Structures are given as C-alpha cells and as structure tokens.
C-alpha atoms as a PDB file:
ATOM      1  CA  MET A   1      21.421 -37.401  -8.044  1.00  0.00           C
ATOM      2  CA  THR A   2      19.589 -34.902  -5.783  1.00  0.00           C
ATOM      3  CA  GLU A   3      18.023 -31.733  -7.106  1.00  0.00           C
ATOM      4  CA  ASN A   4      19.603 -28.586  -5.988  1.00  0.00           C
ATOM      5  CA  LYS A   5      16.600 -26.434  -4.953  1.00  0.00           C
ATOM      6  CA  TRP A   6      18.158 -22.956  -4.613  1.00  0.00           C
ATOM      7  CA  THR A   7      16.435 -19.683  -5.184  1.00  0.00           C
ATOM      8  CA  PHE A   8      17.420 -16.189  -6.066  1.00  0.00           C
ATOM      9  CA  VAL A   9      15.431 -14.603  -3.221  1.00  0.00           C
ATOM     10  CA  THR A  10      16.366 -15.214   0.475  1.00  0.00           C
ATOM     11  CA  ASN A  11      13.916 -16.319   2.907  1.00  0.00           C
ATOM     12  CA  HIS A  12      14.645 -13.051   4.829  1.00  0.00           C
ATOM     13  CA  ALA A  13      13.406 -10.966   1.769  1.00  0.00           C
ATOM     14  CA  VAL A  14      10.305 -13.209   1.281  1.00  0.00           C
ATOM     15  CA  VAL A  15       9.296 -12.982   5.110  1.00  0.00           C
ATOM     16  CA  LEU A  16       9.810  -9.189   4.951  1.00  0.00           C
ATOM     17  CA  THR A  17       7.535  -8.956   1.819  1.00  0.00           C
ATOM     18  CA  LEU A  18       4.771 -11.208   3.270  1.00  0.00           C
ATOM     19  CA  LEU A  19       4.674  -9.173   6.714  1.00  0.00           C
ATOM     20  CA  ASN A  20       4.637  -5.906   4.509  1.00  0.00           C
ATOM     21  CA  ARG A  21       1.432  -7.444   2.818  1.00  0.00           C
ATOM     22  CA  GLU A  22      -0.285  -8.688   5.921  1.00  0.00           C
ATOM     23  CA  GLU A  23       0.965  -7.427   9.435  1.00  0.00           C
ATOM     24  CA  ASN A  24      -0.706 -10.187  11.317  1.00  0.00           C
ATOM     25  CA  LEU A  25       0.639 -13.395   9.759  1.00  0.00           C
ATOM     26  CA  THR A  26       1.724 -16.002  12.136  1.00  0.00           C
ATOM     27  CA  ALA A  27       5.198 -17.690  11.991  1.00  0.00           C
ATOM     28  CA  ARG A  28       3.181 -20.904  11.331  1.00  0.00           C
ATOM     29  CA  GLU A  29       1.252 -19.327   8.399  1.00  0.00           C
ATOM     30  CA  ILE A  30       4.579 -18.039   7.028  1.00  0.00           C
ATOM     31  CA  ALA A  31       6.295 -21.426   7.398  1.00  0.00           C
ATOM     32  CA  ILE A  32       3.582 -23.115   5.541  1.00  0.00           C
ATOM     33  CA  THR A  33       3.589 -20.654   2.867  1.00  0.00           C
ATOM     34  CA  LEU A  34       7.356 -20.843   2.308  1.00  0.00           C
ATOM     35  CA  GLY A  35       7.859 -24.621   3.086  1.00  0.00           C
ATOM     36  CA  ILE A  36      10.186 -23.955   5.932  1.00  0.00           C
ATOM     37  CA  THR A  37      10.170 -24.707   9.625  1.00  0.00           C
ATOM     38  CA  GLU A  38       8.289 -22.453  12.096  1.00  0.00           C
ATOM     39  CA  ARG A  39      11.623 -22.116  14.171  1.00  0.00           C
ATOM     40  CA  THR A  40      13.383 -20.699  11.053  1.00  0.00           C
ATOM     41  CA  VAL A  41      10.657 -18.172  10.430  1.00  0.00           C
ATOM     42  CA  ILE A  42      10.923 -17.080  14.020  1.00  0.00           C
ATOM     43  CA  ARG A  43      14.708 -16.648  13.631  1.00  0.00           C
ATOM     44  CA  ILE A  44      14.232 -14.764  10.600  1.00  0.00           C
ATOM     45  CA  ILE A  45      11.697 -12.381  12.144  1.00  0.00           C
ATOM     46  CA  ASN A  46      14.139 -11.883  15.055  1.00  0.00           C
ATOM     47  CA  ASP A  47      16.881 -11.089  12.683  1.00  0.00           C
ATOM     48  CA  LEU A  48      14.767  -8.545  10.848  1.00  0.00           C
ATOM     49  CA  GLU A  49      13.694  -7.016  14.152  1.00  0.00           C
ATOM     50  CA  ALA A  50      17.230  -6.812  15.357  1.00  0.00           C
ATOM     51  CA  ALA A  51      18.225  -5.018  12.081  1.00  0.00           C
ATOM     52  CA  GLY A  52      15.472  -2.505  12.332  1.00  0.00           C
ATOM     53  CA  TYR A  53      13.390  -3.646   9.368  1.00  0.00           C
ATOM     54  CA  ILE A  54      10.405  -4.694  11.385  1.00  0.00           C
ATOM     55  CA  THR A  55       8.822  -3.750  14.745  1.00  0.00           C
ATOM     56  CA  LYS A  56       6.899  -6.424  16.555  1.00  0.00           C
ATOM     57  CA  ARG A  57       4.017  -5.522  18.911  1.00  0.00           C
ATOM     58  CA  LYS A  58       1.514  -7.778  20.717  1.00  0.00           C
ATOM     59  CA  VAL A  59      -2.109  -7.192  20.001  1.00  0.00           C
ATOM     60  CA  GLY A  60      -4.035  -9.596  22.204  1.00  0.00           C
ATOM     61  CA  ARG A  61      -2.409 -13.007  21.750  1.00  0.00           C
ATOM     62  CA  GLN A  62      -1.042 -12.174  18.173  1.00  0.00           C
ATOM     63  CA  ASN A  63       1.966 -10.307  17.023  1.00  0.00           C
ATOM     64  CA  ARG A  64       1.582  -7.456  14.637  1.00  0.00           C
ATOM     65  CA  TYR A  65       4.494  -6.211  12.482  1.00  0.00           C
ATOM     66  CA  THR A  66       5.217  -2.750  11.100  1.00  0.00           C
ATOM     67  CA  ILE A  67       7.790  -2.691   8.174  1.00  0.00           C
ATOM     68  CA  ASN A  68      10.424   0.069   8.039  1.00  0.00           C
ATOM     69  CA  THR A  69      10.547   0.209   4.167  1.00  0.00           C
ATOM     70  CA  ASP A  70      13.031   3.131   4.162  1.00  0.00           C
ATOM     71  CA  LEU A  71      16.047   1.368   5.483  1.00  0.00           C
ATOM     72  CA  PRO A  72      18.593   0.331   2.767  1.00  0.00           C
ATOM     73  CA  LEU A  73      19.495  -3.192   1.700  1.00  0.00           C
ATOM     74  CA  ARG A  74      22.318  -4.869   3.712  1.00  0.00           C
ATOM     75  CA  ARG A  75      24.792  -5.631   1.134  1.00  0.00           C
ATOM     76  CA  HIS A  76      27.470  -3.033   0.878  1.00  0.00           C
ATOM     77  CA  ASP A  77      27.063  -2.636  -2.825  1.00  0.00           C
ATOM     78  CA  GLN A  78      23.252  -2.172  -2.633  1.00  0.00           C
ATOM     79  CA  ARG A  79      23.146   0.403   0.299  1.00  0.00           C
ATOM     80  CA  GLU A  80      21.602   3.063  -1.939  1.00  0.00           C
ATOM     81  CA  VAL A  81      18.457   0.789  -2.563  1.00  0.00           C
ATOM     82  CA  PRO A  82      15.687   1.306   0.123  1.00  0.00           C
ATOM     83  CA  ALA A  83      13.966  -1.945   1.184  1.00  0.00           C
ATOM     84  CA  HIS A  84      10.615  -0.594  -0.287  1.00  0.00           C
ATOM     85  CA  GLU A  85      12.083  -1.070  -3.888  1.00  0.00           C
ATOM     86  CA  LEU A  86      12.818  -4.863  -3.151  1.00  0.00           C
ATOM     87  CA  ILE A  87       9.529  -5.430  -1.458  1.00  0.00           C
ATOM     88  CA  GLN A  88       7.653  -3.742  -4.431  1.00  0.00           C
ATOM     89  CA  LEU A  89       9.720  -5.783  -6.914  1.00  0.00           C
ATOM     90  CA  LEU A  90       8.760  -9.158  -5.046  1.00  0.00           C
ATOM     91  CA  SER A  91       5.104  -8.153  -4.436  1.00  0.00           C
ATOM     92  CA  ARG A  92       4.528  -7.920  -8.273  1.00  0.00           C
ATOM     93  CA  GLY A  93       4.843 -11.755  -8.489  1.00  0.00           C
ATOM     94  CA  ASN A  94       2.708 -12.460  -5.533  1.00  0.00           C
ATOM     95  CA  LEU A  95       5.740 -14.563  -4.372  1.00  0.00           C
ATOM     96  CA  LYS A  96       4.693 -17.659  -6.287  1.00  0.00           C
ATOM     97  CA  GLY A  97       7.579 -19.845  -6.475  1.00  0.00           C
ATOM     98  CA  TYR A  98       9.736 -17.004  -5.190  1.00  0.00           C
END
C-alpha cells in the first residue's frame, strides 16, 4: 500500500510565501526546499507572474521577485481575502512540513 502524501497548502502558496520571505531565491533552491522539481517551480513562478502575484526582474544573472500581496486569493469564495493574509499565516510556521 502506498502512502498518500497530500498537503493542505498548495505548492503555489508555498512558493509565493518563500519568495515573499527572500526575493532572490533561485528555482533550484525552492525546489530543494519543497522536494519538487526545478521545472515545476519555474512553472509555478510563471503562473504567479501571469496572475500578477509576483513581478520578476533580472539583477545581474539572478532573478529578483516582488510580491503583490494586495491581490485577493483566486478561489471565488475567497476573493475577499488578500494574499498577504495567507502569506502571513504560512510564515508563522516557517513552512516546516507545510
């Protein structure tokens, strides 16, 4: 029997929270932290950028990220909750075992 390893918090939320904490994390560092592939992290970053939650800019050879914490969450029944409330909640636990 295989163990079902689901979590309550999506990788999108965790990546957003990590980038809010440290704007110059690399996709590789995030991937290692979360135990997912670098390709998955890049896809998540692209999703977050396309939705307006992050702005990516090049500084030398690295990307830096600015987080738009005022945007509401995406679920239709959570549109009154700004992203900064989710980020604040997730930051309290330092994302250990998210």
